[in-house]
Amino acid sequence: MTDDPRKQQLREKRIRKHCAQRVLALVATYYPFILREKILGCCRRQLAGDYRRCCRSYLCPACNSRESFGIFVAQYARLEACTPTGRPVRLGHEVYTLPPHLRPLVTTKEGFSAWKRATLATIRDHHGQDAAGVMNLHPIGDEDFTTFHPHWDVVINGYALKDGEPQLLRSPRPDFDRIRGDYIRHLTRELKLTGEMVPKKVSLNIGVKGGQFAHAKGKTLHIVRYSARHVYLPHRAFLYDHGTKGDWYYKPKEGKRFVQVVEGKDAMIALLSHDLKLEGRKRRIWFGYMQNRLSKKSQTAFHTPEEAE
């Protein structure tokens, strides 16, 4: 529990909003028994001001946003630690999606590893072998949580390490057709695709304007927060018995009029199915000099030993 009264008040206000009656009614109606009891108990404790035994499930209305925030803070801190002293954090943002017919292939351990290798190879084709950053796995898109839509949301550090010295990572302006072609080539090789299985087109997004690196503080914070989050937001799903297409209503974005309407049992089956397909898979992968086993050594290279501490 925080000692800052203002932060405490904000947390209490957020939990009351996220654990509204219609939200918890959906949990009570459609979550499987063990999951339901765990999450409802967690919500009751947090509403009462007890934060010692949070369940930390992404399906928990009380825990989801705080867990996403914690991941964001940890990732941004590592990116800051791999930024030269006195320089701004500098980030690229890219999204690599799988065509629908290839998605079943990545539900196996071998297929998932092959997709990861293909994505990393594409990143290095464009940015060079010195590229480093983090790949965050998003199993669904923002507005349709029922469809399995796996994609890597990638944050690339705008600094390279060459011969132990930090330098700007100077990537060429993106040739989107070439990058798509590289991605298809690597997917074909790694997943051993032949014939009609070889995709004719793929979706990728170079998120920063012009494909260059962002350095404004607000923009870099937004990139990492967006990438690190849990995509599904249980506090924006609520029970509504008076609809004609279903009673599980989901409003993925605050202030937007779009609402996804699904039969409750179908919605729960979809969410659990996504988890089962990706069970045991690592969803946050650091690469290059920022990978876990190299991270501390890399941070030292960006600062004097005193600063690194």
Protein backbone atom coordinates (compact mmCIF):
# COMPACT_ATOMS: atom_id res chain seq x y z
CA MET A 1 0.00 0.00 0.00
CA THR A 2 1.30 3.45 -0.91
CA ASP A 3 2.02 6.05 1.79
CA ASP A 4 0.99 8.89 -0.55
CA PRO A 5 -2.63 9.84 0.36
CA ARG A 6 -3.33 11.22 -3.11
CA LYS A 7 -2.12 8.07 -4.85
CA GLN A 8 -4.13 6.01 -2.39
CA GLN A 9 -7.27 7.99 -3.20
CA LEU A 10 -6.68 7.59 -6.94
CA ARG A 11 -6.23 3.85 -6.53
CA GLU A 12 -9.43 3.55 -4.52
CA LYS A 13 -11.33 5.60 -7.11
CA ARG A 14 -10.01 3.45 -9.97
CA ILE A 15 -10.93 0.21 -8.22
CA ARG A 16 -14.47 1.43 -7.48
CA LYS A 17 -14.86 2.33 -11.17
CA HIS A 18 -13.35 -0.90 -12.46
CA CYS A 19 -15.36 -3.05 -10.06
CA ALA A 20 -18.74 -1.55 -10.89
CA GLN A 21 -21.77 -3.75 -10.24
CA ARG A 22 -22.43 -4.56 -13.90
CA VAL A 23 -18.76 -5.55 -14.37
CA LEU A 24 -18.78 -7.93 -11.40
CA ALA A 25 -22.16 -9.27 -12.53
CA LEU A 26 -20.49 -10.45 -15.73
CA VAL A 27 -17.71 -12.15 -13.75
CA ALA A 28 -20.24 -13.84 -11.48
CA THR A 29 -22.33 -15.04 -14.42
CA TYR A 30 -19.78 -16.35 -16.90
CA TYR A 31 -16.35 -16.94 -15.34
CA PRO A 32 -15.64 -20.61 -14.51
CA PHE A 33 -16.12 -21.45 -10.83
CA ILE A 34 -12.50 -21.46 -9.57
CA LEU A 35 -11.55 -18.38 -11.61
CA ARG A 36 -14.76 -16.63 -10.58
CA GLU A 37 -14.21 -17.18 -6.87
CA LYS A 38 -10.58 -16.08 -7.06
CA ILE A 39 -11.35 -12.88 -8.95
CA LEU A 40 -14.49 -11.89 -7.04
CA GLY A 41 -12.60 -12.43 -3.79
CA CYS A 42 -9.75 -10.25 -5.04
CA CYS A 43 -12.17 -7.49 -6.10
CA ARG A 44 -13.96 -7.58 -2.72
CA ARG A 45 -10.66 -7.32 -0.85
CA GLN A 46 -9.44 -4.41 -2.96
CA LEU A 47 -12.77 -2.59 -2.64
CA ALA A 48 -12.27 -2.93 1.13
CA GLY A 49 -8.75 -1.48 0.88
CA ASP A 50 -6.84 -4.76 1.26
CA TYR A 51 -4.16 -4.98 -1.44
CA ARG A 52 -2.00 -7.68 0.15
CA ARG A 53 -3.42 -10.67 -1.73
CA CYS A 54 -4.12 -9.43 -5.24
CA CYS A 55 -4.73 -12.24 -7.73
CA ARG A 56 -2.83 -10.41 -10.52
CA SER A 57 -4.89 -12.09 -13.25
CA TYR A 58 -5.32 -10.17 -16.51
CA LEU A 59 -9.01 -11.19 -16.34
CA CYS A 60 -9.45 -9.42 -12.99
CA PRO A 61 -11.10 -5.97 -13.27
CA ALA A 62 -9.25 -4.78 -10.16
CA CYS A 63 -5.79 -6.05 -11.16
CA ASN A 64 -5.56 -5.74 -14.95
CA SER A 65 -4.62 -2.08 -15.36
CA ARG A 66 -2.20 -2.08 -12.43
CA GLU A 67 -0.44 -5.17 -13.77
CA SER A 68 -0.14 -3.54 -17.21
CA PHE A 69 1.25 -0.41 -15.58
CA GLY A 70 3.86 -2.43 -13.69
CA ILE A 71 5.05 -4.13 -16.90
CA PHE A 72 5.23 -0.74 -18.62
CA VAL A 73 7.27 0.81 -15.80
CA ALA A 74 9.75 -2.10 -15.79
CA GLN A 75 10.19 -2.04 -19.57
CA TYR A 76 10.61 1.72 -19.77
CA ALA A 77 13.16 1.61 -16.95
CA ARG A 78 15.27 -0.92 -18.87
CA LEU A 79 15.07 1.20 -22.03
CA GLU A 80 16.10 4.28 -20.03
CA ALA A 81 19.01 2.32 -18.56
CA CYS A 82 20.17 1.57 -22.13
CA THR A 83 20.08 5.23 -23.15
CA PRO A 84 23.30 7.30 -23.01
CA THR A 85 23.55 9.76 -20.14
CA GLY A 86 22.06 13.13 -21.06
CA ARG A 87 20.27 11.80 -24.16
CA PRO A 88 16.52 11.22 -24.58
CA VAL A 89 15.02 7.76 -24.78
CA ARG A 90 14.72 7.05 -28.52
CA LEU A 91 12.33 4.35 -29.72
CA GLY A 92 10.96 2.68 -32.82
CA HIS A 93 7.62 0.89 -32.83
CA GLU A 94 6.62 -1.91 -35.20
CA VAL A 95 3.86 -4.53 -35.34
CA TYR A 96 4.21 -7.92 -37.07
CA THR A 97 0.98 -9.83 -37.65
CA LEU A 98 0.40 -13.39 -38.82
CA PRO A 99 -1.95 -14.07 -41.76
CA PRO A 100 -5.07 -15.96 -40.56
CA HIS A 101 -4.15 -19.26 -42.23
CA LEU A 102 -0.80 -19.38 -40.39
CA ARG A 103 -2.14 -18.69 -36.91
CA PRO A 104 -2.80 -22.35 -36.02
CA LEU A 105 0.89 -23.11 -36.70
CA VAL A 106 2.12 -20.96 -33.78
CA THR A 107 0.07 -22.80 -31.15
CA THR A 108 2.85 -25.40 -30.97
CA LYS A 109 6.16 -24.74 -29.24
CA GLU A 110 8.09 -25.28 -32.48
CA GLY A 111 5.79 -23.08 -34.55
CA PHE A 112 5.87 -20.29 -31.99
CA SER A 113 9.68 -20.33 -31.88
CA ALA A 114 9.80 -20.30 -35.69
CA TRP A 115 7.52 -17.25 -35.84
CA LYS A 116 9.69 -15.48 -33.25
CA ARG A 117 12.83 -16.18 -35.31
CA ALA A 118 11.15 -14.96 -38.50
CA THR A 119 10.10 -11.71 -36.83
CA LEU A 120 13.54 -11.07 -35.34
CA ALA A 121 15.21 -11.80 -38.68
CA THR A 122 12.94 -9.23 -40.36
CA ILE A 123 13.74 -6.62 -37.72
CA ARG A 124 17.48 -7.20 -38.19
CA ASP A 125 17.18 -7.06 -41.98
CA HIS A 126 15.87 -3.52 -41.65
CA HIS A 127 17.68 -2.19 -38.57
CA GLY A 128 20.87 -4.25 -38.66
CA GLN A 129 22.29 -6.91 -36.38
CA ASP A 130 22.86 -4.36 -33.59
CA ALA A 131 19.12 -3.76 -33.08
CA ALA A 132 17.82 -4.38 -29.55
CA GLY A 133 14.53 -4.00 -27.76
CA VAL A 134 11.50 -5.96 -26.61
CA MET A 135 8.81 -7.96 -28.39
CA ASN A 136 5.44 -7.97 -26.60
CA LEU A 137 2.99 -10.64 -27.70
CA HIS A 138 -0.60 -9.51 -28.24
CA PRO A 139 -2.92 -12.48 -28.79
CA ILE A 140 -5.90 -10.38 -29.92
CA GLY A 141 -6.64 -7.08 -31.61
CA ASP A 142 -8.03 -4.05 -29.82
CA GLU A 143 -11.66 -4.30 -30.88
CA ASP A 144 -12.36 -8.04 -31.29
CA PHE A 145 -11.30 -10.11 -28.33
CA THR A 146 -13.03 -13.26 -29.60
CA THR A 147 -10.72 -13.74 -32.61
CA PHE A 148 -7.26 -15.24 -32.15
CA HIS A 149 -5.11 -12.55 -33.78
CA PRO A 150 -1.51 -13.02 -32.58
CA HIS A 151 0.96 -10.27 -33.38
CA TRP A 152 4.28 -9.04 -32.04
CA ASP A 153 4.20 -5.45 -30.83
CA VAL A 154 7.90 -4.50 -31.00
CA VAL A 155 9.72 -1.64 -29.28
CA ILE A 156 13.19 -1.00 -30.72
CA ASN A 157 15.81 0.96 -28.83
CA GLY A 158 17.18 3.82 -30.92
CA TYR A 159 20.73 3.23 -29.68
CA ALA A 160 23.15 0.49 -30.67
CA LEU A 161 26.18 -0.96 -28.92
CA LYS A 162 29.19 -1.34 -31.20
CA ASP A 163 32.50 -2.50 -29.75
CA GLY A 164 31.07 -1.76 -26.33
CA GLU A 165 30.29 1.88 -27.19
CA PRO A 166 26.75 3.34 -27.47
CA GLN A 167 25.84 4.88 -30.82
CA LEU A 168 22.71 6.03 -32.59
CA LEU A 169 20.95 3.17 -34.34
CA ARG A 170 20.70 4.61 -37.83
CA SER A 171 18.01 2.74 -39.75
CA PRO A 172 17.14 3.58 -43.36
CA ARG A 173 13.73 4.99 -44.22
CA PRO A 174 11.48 1.94 -44.48
CA ASP A 175 10.73 0.40 -47.84
CA PHE A 176 7.46 -1.21 -46.79
CA ASP A 177 7.22 -3.54 -49.79
CA ARG A 178 10.73 -4.83 -49.15
CA ILE A 179 10.10 -5.32 -45.43
CA ARG A 180 6.88 -7.22 -46.16
CA GLY A 181 8.79 -9.34 -48.66
CA ASP A 182 11.50 -10.06 -46.08
CA TYR A 183 8.86 -11.04 -43.51
CA ILE A 184 7.19 -13.44 -45.98
CA ARG A 185 10.59 -14.92 -46.88
CA HIS A 186 11.52 -15.52 -43.25
CA LEU A 187 8.09 -16.93 -42.38
CA THR A 188 8.36 -19.30 -45.34
CA ARG A 189 11.79 -20.52 -44.27
CA GLU A 190 11.20 -20.80 -40.53
CA LEU A 191 7.72 -22.34 -40.73
CA LYS A 192 8.74 -24.53 -43.71
CA LEU A 193 5.85 -23.29 -45.84
CA THR A 194 5.19 -24.58 -49.33
CA GLY A 195 2.64 -24.02 -52.08
CA GLU A 196 -0.55 -22.26 -51.04
CA MET A 197 0.67 -21.94 -47.47
CA VAL A 198 3.17 -19.24 -48.50
CA PRO A 199 1.35 -15.93 -47.82
CA LYS A 200 0.90 -13.56 -50.73
CA LYS A 201 0.67 -10.57 -48.42
CA VAL A 202 1.20 -9.79 -44.75
CA SER A 203 0.24 -6.96 -42.43
CA LEU A 204 2.91 -4.97 -40.65
CA ASN A 205 2.94 -1.52 -39.18
CA ILE A 206 5.87 0.84 -38.72
CA GLY A 207 4.17 2.91 -36.05
CA VAL A 208 6.38 5.99 -35.71
CA LYS A 209 5.79 8.59 -38.41
CA GLY A 210 8.01 7.96 -41.41
CA GLY A 211 9.41 4.84 -39.80
CA GLN A 212 11.90 6.90 -37.81
CA PHE A 213 12.57 6.89 -34.06
CA ALA A 214 10.52 8.88 -31.58
CA HIS A 215 12.35 10.86 -28.89
CA ALA A 216 9.72 13.15 -27.34
CA LYS A 217 9.14 11.95 -23.77
CA GLY A 218 5.36 11.79 -24.11
CA LYS A 219 5.60 9.76 -27.31
CA THR A 220 8.11 7.24 -25.98
CA LEU A 221 6.07 6.76 -22.82
CA HIS A 222 2.97 6.12 -24.94
CA ILE A 223 4.76 3.60 -27.17
CA VAL A 224 5.92 1.45 -24.26
CA ARG A 225 2.66 1.75 -22.32
CA TYR A 226 0.70 0.67 -25.41
CA SER A 227 3.05 -2.20 -26.21
CA ALA A 228 3.42 -3.56 -22.66
CA ARG A 229 -0.29 -3.57 -21.74
CA HIS A 230 -2.68 -6.48 -21.51
CA VAL A 231 -4.87 -5.95 -24.59
CA TYR A 232 -8.11 -7.27 -23.10
CA LEU A 233 -9.59 -4.93 -20.46
CA PRO A 234 -12.05 -6.76 -18.18
CA HIS A 235 -13.22 -3.56 -16.49
CA ARG A 236 -14.70 -2.49 -19.84
CA ALA A 237 -16.81 -5.64 -20.17
CA PHE A 238 -20.22 -5.67 -18.51
CA LEU A 239 -23.43 -7.67 -18.33
CA TYR A 240 -26.39 -6.24 -20.26
CA ASP A 241 -29.47 -8.46 -20.36
CA HIS A 242 -31.56 -6.38 -22.76
CA GLY A 243 -29.55 -6.80 -25.97
CA THR A 244 -30.58 -8.98 -28.92
CA LYS A 245 -27.12 -10.21 -30.03
CA GLY A 246 -25.75 -11.25 -26.66
CA ASP A 247 -25.31 -10.08 -23.07
CA TRP A 248 -21.50 -9.69 -22.87
CA TYR A 249 -20.87 -6.06 -23.83
CA TYR A 250 -17.33 -4.85 -24.33
CA LYS A 251 -16.28 -1.25 -24.89
CA PRO A 252 -12.54 -1.46 -25.65
CA LYS A 253 -11.78 2.27 -25.77
CA GLU A 254 -12.84 5.00 -23.39
CA GLY A 255 -14.90 7.66 -25.11
CA LYS A 256 -15.47 5.58 -28.26
CA ARG A 257 -18.99 4.57 -29.28
CA PHE A 258 -17.97 1.11 -30.56
CA VAL A 259 -19.23 -1.76 -28.42
CA GLN A 260 -18.62 -5.44 -29.17
CA VAL A 261 -21.59 -7.63 -28.25
CA VAL A 262 -21.11 -11.38 -27.73
CA GLU A 263 -23.01 -14.25 -26.11
CA GLY A 264 -21.44 -14.60 -22.68
CA LYS A 265 -20.54 -18.28 -22.93
CA ASP A 266 -18.93 -17.73 -26.35
CA ALA A 267 -16.89 -14.81 -25.01
CA MET A 268 -15.52 -16.82 -22.08
CA ILE A 269 -14.71 -19.79 -24.31
CA ALA A 270 -12.80 -17.49 -26.67
CA LEU A 271 -10.71 -15.91 -23.91
CA LEU A 272 -9.80 -19.25 -22.35
CA SER A 273 -9.06 -20.68 -25.79
CA HIS A 274 -6.53 -17.91 -26.52
CA ASP A 275 -4.78 -18.66 -23.24
CA LEU A 276 -4.70 -22.39 -23.96
CA LYS A 277 -3.22 -21.85 -27.43
CA LEU A 278 -0.37 -19.81 -25.96
CA GLU A 279 0.08 -21.73 -22.71
CA GLY A 280 3.70 -21.79 -21.62
CA ARG A 281 4.82 -19.32 -24.29
CA LYS A 282 6.97 -16.39 -23.26
CA ARG A 283 5.02 -13.24 -24.07
CA ARG A 284 7.70 -10.59 -23.47
CA ILE A 285 10.98 -11.24 -25.22
CA TRP A 286 14.01 -8.95 -24.97
CA PHE A 287 16.44 -9.26 -27.86
CA GLY A 288 19.89 -8.03 -28.89
CA TYR A 289 22.08 -6.52 -26.19
CA MET A 290 18.94 -5.96 -24.06
CA GLN A 291 18.10 -9.64 -23.59
CA ASN A 292 18.00 -10.77 -19.97
CA ARG A 293 21.42 -12.40 -19.74
CA LEU A 294 23.14 -9.36 -21.29
CA SER A 295 21.05 -6.56 -19.80
CA LYS A 296 23.17 -5.61 -16.78
CA LYS A 297 26.40 -5.62 -18.77
CA SER A 298 24.77 -3.52 -21.50
CA GLN A 299 23.50 -0.95 -19.01
CA THR A 300 27.01 -0.52 -17.66
CA ALA A 301 28.26 0.21 -21.18
CA PHE A 302 25.77 3.08 -21.50
CA HIS A 303 26.91 4.77 -18.28
CA THR A 304 29.83 5.06 -15.97
CA PRO A 305 29.84 2.34 -13.28
CA GLU A 306 28.56 4.88 -10.73
CA GLU A 307 25.68 5.90 -12.97
CA ALA A 308 24.79 2.28 -13.80
CA GLU A 309 24.29 1.60 -10.10
